[in-house]
Amino acid sequence: MAGSILDIAATRGILDHDMFTDPEGNIHFVLGHYQPRDRVISLLKYVPDEQGTWVHRSTGRRYARSYWHQGVDAVSGSEAAVGRLASKEITSWQAVDPVFGTSFLEVPYDRIEDYMLPETRLAGILEAGDGVLDGLERRVKLVVQAVLRHAGGVDLTSEDMGVTGSILWGGHSGRSDINLNVYGARACRDLEGVLASLARRGVMLARGLTVGMKGFGEVPGVRVSGAVEAAALSRKPKLRLAGFKPGIQVRWCLKRGEFPLEYGSESYADRGLATVKARVTDDSYTLFYPALVGIEPLEGTPRPDRVLVYDTRFTRLLRSGDVVEITGALQEISGTGRFQLLIGSKRHARDERVTFLDARHGA
């Protein structure tokens, strides 16, 4: 363990895509950077199971993965897995959050056993000789070193990166993908721009390693209208390594204190489903999870002035200058007389959508 959970929370912070275990050996995935101070909002991702097909490389212990979904479906999958466990303790952690007014799995600090730091795992891979690394670890090293070489003027070092997922807890195999974390608001925004530029210019970062641009065509709730073409929404730089089918994911992660909201400073009350036509005015936090995007409503009332995105499929989507019609959960922000739209509510998820009426060009 890298240190006590209290020390980690007070110094480094609890960051999106960290992982940890509880006393029963379940492996949890930290759900976003918007976190309480005495517990961790998380997803239950791996459960000890004698028939499981994920095997810890050191202990030989077998695990079953509890969900394979993305976005709100991942939250529902985690909840279902909690419900199937016999443990009364873990079911007690599934509770209605006082800020969001909906149920989350929130693990108390004193029930966290091993808190795993992605940046520490990556540092060990980068420092090791290739002869002691396995195939996936060597690929991680190649990708990270190539990204750093091409980062240009981005204020970024290997210490601002980490690796998460099965390779973090030691259960990786030939089917495991590479999940890279990049830390820090400025570094993330700048590196995203650099990768987008490399994609447009067709630059090869290393042998077999390229970067392209991915859109949102696989997200049913994202639509285009009028003169807007789907190609205008190719906004996500995507690293690709030839012959590596599992794929590479880059996760943009805020550091402690970088999100403009502090957990507990606000709470939200559901006011039903609403559709708002608006112009995006501030995309400073569109890359992160949860994303927070400023908007200017163009018609109708009430007039929410921001969108909180709690569905990973919709992060990185909204950019300043876009004109959109958004359907989401209308939430009243306690004590302010203000409203926000939420994308990623369990109650309204199937009806949430973003329709582009005019899209900013470029990544």
Protein backbone atom coordinates (compact mmCIF):
# COMPACT_ATOMS: atom_id res chain seq x y z
CA MET A 1 0.00 0.00 0.00
CA ALA A 2 1.30 3.45 -0.86
CA GLY A 3 0.32 4.89 2.52
CA SER A 4 -2.74 5.21 4.70
CA ILE A 5 -5.92 6.26 2.95
CA LEU A 6 -6.08 9.33 5.19
CA ASP A 7 -2.58 10.42 4.13
CA ILE A 8 -3.38 9.82 0.45
CA ALA A 9 -6.65 11.75 0.68
CA ALA A 10 -5.02 14.69 2.47
CA THR A 11 -2.03 15.05 0.14
CA ARG A 12 -2.47 13.49 -3.28
CA GLY A 13 -6.24 13.18 -3.12
CA ILE A 14 -8.72 10.51 -4.21
CA LEU A 15 -8.54 10.66 -8.01
CA ASP A 16 -10.65 9.31 -10.83
CA HIS A 17 -9.70 5.79 -11.99
CA ASP A 18 -7.77 4.88 -8.85
CA MET A 19 -8.44 1.37 -7.56
CA PHE A 20 -8.62 -0.22 -4.10
CA THR A 21 -9.64 -3.37 -2.25
CA ASP A 22 -11.98 -3.85 0.70
CA PRO A 23 -11.57 -6.38 3.56
CA GLU A 24 -13.33 -9.12 1.55
CA GLY A 25 -10.93 -8.77 -1.36
CA ASN A 26 -13.35 -7.03 -3.74
CA ILE A 27 -11.66 -4.63 -6.14
CA HIS A 28 -13.23 -1.21 -6.57
CA PHE A 29 -12.80 1.50 -9.20
CA VAL A 30 -12.93 5.14 -8.06
CA LEU A 31 -15.85 6.86 -9.79
CA GLY A 32 -14.74 10.40 -10.62
CA HIS A 33 -12.96 13.20 -8.79
CA TYR A 34 -16.06 14.69 -7.08
CA GLN A 35 -15.64 12.84 -3.78
CA PRO A 36 -16.66 13.06 -0.09
CA ARG A 37 -14.02 13.41 2.61
CA ASP A 38 -14.66 10.22 4.57
CA ARG A 39 -15.67 7.67 1.94
CA VAL A 40 -15.08 6.89 -1.73
CA ILE A 41 -17.77 6.80 -4.41
CA SER A 42 -16.81 3.78 -6.47
CA LEU A 43 -17.83 0.93 -8.73
CA LEU A 44 -17.44 -2.70 -7.71
CA LYS A 45 -15.42 -4.07 -10.63
CA TYR A 46 -13.89 -7.43 -9.64
CA VAL A 47 -15.21 -9.97 -7.14
CA PRO A 48 -13.33 -13.01 -5.77
CA ASP A 49 -14.75 -16.09 -7.50
CA GLU A 50 -13.29 -19.60 -7.73
CA GLN A 51 -14.68 -19.84 -11.26
CA GLY A 52 -13.45 -16.39 -12.26
CA THR A 53 -11.29 -15.93 -15.34
CA TRP A 54 -9.22 -12.98 -14.05
CA VAL A 55 -6.26 -14.34 -12.10
CA HIS A 56 -3.96 -12.34 -9.85
CA ARG A 57 -0.42 -12.95 -11.10
CA SER A 58 1.14 -13.06 -7.63
CA THR A 59 -1.47 -14.73 -5.43
CA GLY A 60 -3.28 -16.88 -8.00
CA ARG A 61 -6.61 -15.71 -6.62
CA ARG A 62 -9.42 -15.78 -9.18
CA TYR A 63 -11.85 -12.94 -9.82
CA ALA A 64 -14.98 -12.38 -11.86
CA ARG A 65 -15.55 -9.03 -13.51
CA SER A 66 -18.87 -7.57 -12.38
CA TYR A 67 -19.75 -5.49 -15.44
CA TRP A 68 -18.68 -4.77 -19.02
CA HIS A 69 -20.70 -1.63 -19.64
CA GLN A 70 -19.94 2.06 -20.01
CA GLY A 71 -21.60 5.17 -18.66
CA VAL A 72 -24.69 4.86 -16.49
CA ASP A 73 -24.94 1.17 -17.43
CA ALA A 74 -21.65 0.56 -15.60
CA VAL A 75 -23.11 2.07 -12.42
CA SER A 76 -26.18 -0.17 -12.76
CA GLY A 77 -23.96 -3.20 -13.40
CA SER A 78 -21.95 -2.48 -10.27
CA GLU A 79 -25.12 -2.10 -8.21
CA ALA A 80 -26.41 -5.43 -9.47
CA ALA A 81 -23.13 -7.11 -8.51
CA VAL A 82 -23.35 -5.66 -5.00
CA GLY A 83 -26.88 -7.03 -4.70
CA ARG A 84 -25.69 -10.54 -5.62
CA LEU A 85 -23.10 -10.67 -2.85
CA ALA A 86 -23.97 -12.28 0.46
CA SER A 87 -22.07 -9.64 2.43
CA LYS A 88 -24.33 -7.36 4.43
CA GLU A 89 -21.46 -4.93 4.91
CA ILE A 90 -20.97 -4.10 1.24
CA THR A 91 -24.70 -3.74 0.70
CA SER A 92 -24.74 -1.19 3.54
CA TRP A 93 -22.31 0.94 1.53
CA GLN A 94 -24.85 1.21 -1.29
CA ALA A 95 -26.71 4.27 -0.03
CA VAL A 96 -28.48 7.42 -1.16
CA ASP A 97 -25.88 10.17 -1.47
CA PRO A 98 -26.89 13.40 0.32
CA VAL A 99 -25.49 15.61 -2.45
CA PHE A 100 -26.80 13.80 -5.52
CA GLY A 101 -29.98 12.37 -4.03
CA THR A 102 -29.36 9.03 -5.72
CA SER A 103 -27.80 5.72 -4.74
CA PHE A 104 -24.03 5.20 -5.00
CA LEU A 105 -21.60 2.62 -3.66
CA GLU A 106 -19.66 4.65 -1.08
CA VAL A 107 -16.91 2.78 0.77
CA PRO A 108 -15.85 4.27 4.14
CA TYR A 109 -12.17 5.11 4.46
CA ASP A 110 -11.75 2.68 7.35
CA ARG A 111 -12.93 -0.23 5.17
CA ILE A 112 -10.34 0.35 2.44
CA GLU A 113 -7.50 -2.16 2.58
CA ASP A 114 -5.06 -1.59 -0.29
CA TYR A 115 -5.28 1.71 -2.16
CA MET A 116 -3.47 1.40 -5.48
CA LEU A 117 -1.87 4.40 -7.20
CA PRO A 118 -1.71 4.26 -11.02
CA GLU A 119 1.31 6.58 -11.18
CA THR A 120 3.30 4.31 -8.85
CA ARG A 121 2.55 1.26 -10.99
CA LEU A 122 3.59 3.13 -14.14
CA ALA A 123 6.81 4.38 -12.53
CA GLY A 124 7.77 0.78 -11.75
CA ILE A 125 7.21 -0.23 -15.38
CA LEU A 126 9.24 2.68 -16.76
CA GLU A 127 12.14 2.05 -14.40
CA ALA A 128 12.34 -1.69 -15.10
CA GLY A 129 14.40 -3.26 -17.84
CA ASP A 130 12.49 -4.76 -20.75
CA GLY A 131 13.78 -8.21 -19.83
CA VAL A 132 11.77 -8.33 -16.60
CA LEU A 133 8.55 -6.91 -18.08
CA ASP A 134 5.77 -8.96 -19.59
CA GLY A 135 4.27 -8.22 -22.99
CA LEU A 136 1.60 -5.81 -21.82
CA GLU A 137 4.01 -3.93 -19.58
CA ARG A 138 6.43 -3.50 -22.50
CA ARG A 139 3.61 -2.09 -24.62
CA VAL A 140 2.71 0.35 -21.84
CA LYS A 141 6.33 1.50 -21.68
CA LEU A 142 6.52 1.97 -25.46
CA VAL A 143 3.29 3.99 -25.58
CA VAL A 144 4.14 6.28 -22.66
CA GLN A 145 7.67 7.00 -23.87
CA ALA A 146 6.35 7.78 -27.36
CA VAL A 147 3.68 10.14 -26.01
CA LEU A 148 6.24 11.98 -23.90
CA ARG A 149 8.60 12.35 -26.89
CA HIS A 150 5.85 13.96 -28.95
CA ALA A 151 4.33 16.08 -26.19
CA GLY A 152 6.05 19.20 -27.50
CA GLY A 153 5.61 22.19 -25.23
CA VAL A 154 3.22 20.42 -22.87
CA ASP A 155 4.34 20.66 -19.24
CA LEU A 156 4.21 16.90 -18.77
CA THR A 157 6.49 14.24 -17.30
CA SER A 158 6.01 10.56 -16.58
CA GLU A 159 5.07 11.54 -13.03
CA ASP A 160 1.91 13.11 -14.48
CA MET A 161 0.80 9.77 -15.91
CA GLY A 162 -0.41 6.46 -14.55
CA VAL A 163 -1.74 3.10 -15.66
CA THR A 164 -4.96 1.63 -14.30
CA GLY A 165 -7.26 -1.34 -14.90
CA SER A 166 -6.24 -4.99 -14.55
CA ILE A 167 -2.53 -4.21 -14.93
CA LEU A 168 -2.73 -2.01 -11.82
CA TRP A 169 -3.95 -4.78 -9.51
CA GLY A 170 -1.99 -7.58 -11.21
CA GLY A 171 -4.76 -9.42 -13.02
CA HIS A 172 -3.81 -8.58 -16.59
CA SER A 173 -3.61 -11.07 -19.43
CA GLY A 174 -3.58 -11.13 -23.21
CA ARG A 175 -7.11 -9.72 -23.35
CA SER A 176 -6.32 -6.67 -21.17
CA ASP A 177 -6.35 -3.23 -22.72
CA ILE A 178 -4.09 -0.33 -21.76
CA ASN A 179 -5.72 2.36 -19.62
CA LEU A 180 -3.48 5.41 -19.30
CA ASN A 181 -4.24 8.23 -16.90
CA VAL A 182 -2.99 11.75 -17.50
CA TYR A 183 -3.11 14.06 -14.46
CA GLY A 184 -3.60 17.81 -14.20
CA ALA A 185 -6.11 20.11 -15.90
CA ARG A 186 -3.58 22.09 -17.97
CA ALA A 187 -1.52 19.06 -18.97
CA CYS A 188 -4.64 17.18 -20.05
CA ARG A 189 -6.01 20.02 -22.16
CA ASP A 190 -2.65 20.70 -23.77
CA LEU A 191 -1.87 17.05 -24.48
CA GLU A 192 -5.31 16.50 -25.98
CA GLY A 193 -4.57 19.36 -28.38
CA VAL A 194 -1.16 17.92 -29.26
CA LEU A 195 -2.60 14.46 -29.93
CA ALA A 196 -5.33 15.95 -32.11
CA SER A 197 -2.69 17.83 -34.11
CA LEU A 198 -0.61 14.65 -34.54
CA ALA A 199 -3.75 12.85 -35.75
CA ARG A 200 -4.52 15.52 -38.35
CA ARG A 201 -0.93 15.40 -39.62
CA GLY A 202 -0.79 11.60 -39.68
CA VAL A 203 2.31 11.41 -37.49
CA MET A 204 3.50 7.98 -36.35
CA LEU A 205 4.56 8.22 -32.71
CA ALA A 206 6.55 4.98 -32.69
CA ARG A 207 6.69 1.85 -34.78
CA GLY A 208 3.07 0.79 -35.22
CA LEU A 209 1.76 3.51 -32.88
CA THR A 210 -0.53 6.10 -34.47
CA VAL A 211 -3.23 8.45 -33.30
CA GLY A 212 -6.60 9.05 -34.96
CA MET A 213 -9.74 10.94 -34.07
CA LYS A 214 -12.82 9.17 -32.74
CA GLY A 215 -16.36 10.49 -32.76
CA PHE A 216 -19.53 9.70 -30.82
CA GLY A 217 -21.35 7.55 -33.37
CA GLU A 218 -21.63 4.67 -30.91
CA VAL A 219 -23.54 6.81 -28.37
CA PRO A 220 -27.27 6.57 -29.13
CA GLY A 221 -28.04 9.83 -27.34
CA VAL A 222 -25.74 11.97 -29.53
CA ARG A 223 -27.34 13.30 -32.70
CA VAL A 224 -26.69 15.87 -35.40
CA SER A 225 -29.19 18.12 -37.14
CA GLY A 226 -29.29 20.40 -40.17
CA ALA A 227 -25.91 21.26 -41.62
CA VAL A 228 -23.93 19.59 -38.83
CA GLU A 229 -22.14 16.43 -39.98
CA ALA A 230 -21.11 13.57 -37.73
CA ALA A 231 -17.48 14.14 -38.75
CA ALA A 232 -17.58 17.46 -36.91
CA LEU A 233 -17.85 15.49 -33.68
CA SER A 234 -14.59 13.54 -34.18
CA ARG A 235 -13.19 15.10 -31.04
CA LYS A 236 -11.45 12.30 -29.15
CA PRO A 237 -7.79 11.52 -29.94
CA LYS A 238 -7.40 7.75 -30.01
CA LEU A 239 -4.04 5.97 -29.75
CA ARG A 240 -3.75 2.79 -31.83
CA LEU A 241 -1.01 0.17 -31.70
CA ALA A 242 -0.78 -2.16 -34.67
CA GLY A 243 -1.60 -5.76 -33.79
CA PHE A 244 -2.87 -4.88 -30.32
CA LYS A 245 -6.58 -5.67 -30.44
CA PRO A 246 -7.59 -4.84 -26.83
CA GLY A 247 -6.88 -1.16 -27.48
CA ILE A 248 -5.55 1.88 -25.64
CA GLN A 249 -7.67 4.25 -23.56
CA VAL A 250 -6.49 7.65 -22.36
CA ARG A 251 -8.24 8.96 -19.26
CA TRP A 252 -8.04 12.67 -18.45
CA CYS A 253 -7.87 13.13 -14.67
CA LEU A 254 -7.95 16.22 -12.48
CA LYS A 255 -5.57 16.57 -9.58
CA ARG A 256 -6.72 17.33 -6.05
CA GLY A 257 -8.43 20.72 -5.76
CA GLU A 258 -8.69 21.40 -9.51
CA PHE A 259 -12.45 20.85 -9.87
CA PRO A 260 -14.35 24.12 -9.28
CA LEU A 261 -16.89 22.42 -6.97
CA GLU A 262 -16.17 20.96 -3.55
CA TYR A 263 -18.24 17.99 -2.50
CA GLY A 264 -20.88 19.07 0.02
CA SER A 265 -20.89 22.74 -0.98
CA GLU A 266 -24.03 22.07 -3.04
CA SER A 267 -26.82 19.55 -3.26
CA TYR A 268 -29.23 18.85 -6.10
CA ALA A 269 -32.97 18.20 -6.29
CA ASP A 270 -34.49 16.46 -9.30
CA ARG A 271 -37.11 18.58 -11.05
CA GLY A 272 -37.87 16.13 -13.85
CA LEU A 273 -36.77 15.80 -17.45
CA ALA A 274 -36.15 19.00 -19.42
CA THR A 275 -35.01 19.99 -22.91
CA VAL A 276 -32.95 23.16 -23.33
CA LYS A 277 -31.53 24.84 -26.42
CA ALA A 278 -28.23 26.46 -25.49
CA ARG A 279 -24.82 27.66 -26.59
CA VAL A 280 -21.79 26.15 -24.87
CA THR A 281 -19.80 28.96 -23.25
CA ASP A 282 -17.19 27.18 -21.10
CA ASP A 283 -15.66 23.78 -21.89
CA SER A 284 -12.78 24.01 -19.38
CA TYR A 285 -13.88 20.81 -17.65
CA THR A 286 -15.43 18.87 -20.54
CA LEU A 287 -12.60 16.29 -20.61
CA PHE A 288 -13.02 15.08 -17.06
CA TYR A 289 -15.35 12.83 -15.08
CA PRO A 290 -17.67 14.20 -14.04
CA ALA A 291 -17.56 16.93 -16.67
CA LEU A 292 -18.85 20.42 -15.93
CA VAL A 293 -19.80 22.61 -18.90
CA GLY A 294 -21.07 26.18 -18.88
CA ILE A 295 -24.03 27.01 -21.16
CA GLU A 296 -26.10 30.01 -22.19
CA PRO A 297 -29.77 29.03 -22.68
CA LEU A 298 -31.17 30.50 -25.88
CA GLU A 299 -34.86 30.10 -25.17
CA GLY A 300 -37.38 28.85 -22.62
CA THR A 301 -37.44 28.63 -18.84
CA PRO A 302 -36.05 27.65 -16.41
CA ARG A 303 -32.61 28.60 -17.62
CA PRO A 304 -29.87 26.24 -16.36
CA ASP A 305 -26.40 27.75 -16.69
CA ARG A 306 -24.36 24.55 -16.69
CA VAL A 307 -24.39 20.85 -17.52
CA LEU A 308 -23.00 18.23 -15.12
CA VAL A 309 -22.05 15.11 -17.09
CA TYR A 310 -22.00 11.89 -15.08
CA ASP A 311 -21.99 9.52 -18.05
CA THR A 312 -18.54 8.73 -19.45
CA ARG A 313 -19.96 8.38 -22.96
CA PHE A 314 -20.78 12.11 -22.99
CA THR A 315 -17.53 13.47 -21.53
CA ARG A 316 -15.32 15.31 -24.05
CA LEU A 317 -18.39 15.95 -26.21
CA LEU A 318 -19.44 19.56 -25.58
CA ARG A 319 -17.08 22.33 -26.73
CA SER A 320 -17.29 26.11 -26.48
CA GLY A 321 -19.21 27.55 -29.43
CA ASP A 322 -21.47 24.53 -29.95
CA VAL A 323 -25.18 25.18 -30.22
CA VAL A 324 -27.08 22.20 -28.90
CA GLU A 325 -30.42 20.94 -27.72
CA ILE A 326 -29.91 18.98 -24.52
CA THR A 327 -32.41 16.70 -22.84
CA GLY A 328 -31.45 15.72 -19.34
CA ALA A 329 -32.47 15.78 -15.70
CA LEU A 330 -33.25 19.32 -14.55
CA GLN A 331 -31.78 19.84 -11.10
CA GLU A 332 -32.24 22.73 -8.71
CA ILE A 333 -29.00 23.72 -6.98
CA SER A 334 -29.79 24.08 -3.31
CA GLY A 335 -30.01 27.57 -1.89
CA THR A 336 -29.00 29.36 -5.09
CA GLY A 337 -32.14 29.74 -7.19
CA ARG A 338 -30.08 28.28 -10.04
CA PHE A 339 -30.50 25.14 -12.11
CA GLN A 340 -28.28 22.67 -13.93
CA LEU A 341 -28.89 19.87 -16.39
CA LEU A 342 -27.57 16.44 -15.49
CA ILE A 343 -26.56 13.90 -18.12
CA GLY A 344 -26.06 10.55 -16.47
CA SER A 345 -29.00 10.21 -14.10
CA LYS A 346 -30.15 6.65 -13.51
CA ARG A 347 -33.77 7.77 -13.53
CA HIS A 348 -33.72 9.55 -16.90
CA ALA A 349 -30.76 7.92 -18.66
CA ARG A 350 -32.77 6.33 -21.47
CA ASP A 351 -34.24 9.73 -22.45
CA GLU A 352 -31.07 11.81 -22.25
CA ARG A 353 -29.67 13.15 -25.52
CA VAL A 354 -27.63 15.92 -27.09
CA THR A 355 -28.56 17.16 -30.55
CA PHE A 356 -26.06 19.39 -32.35
CA LEU A 357 -27.60 22.34 -34.18
CA ASP A 358 -24.23 23.99 -34.85
CA ALA A 359 -20.82 22.57 -33.98
CA ARG A 360 -17.51 24.25 -33.36
CA HIS A 361 -15.00 23.07 -35.94
CA GLY A 362 -11.76 21.43 -34.89
CA ALA A 363 -10.88 19.21 -31.94
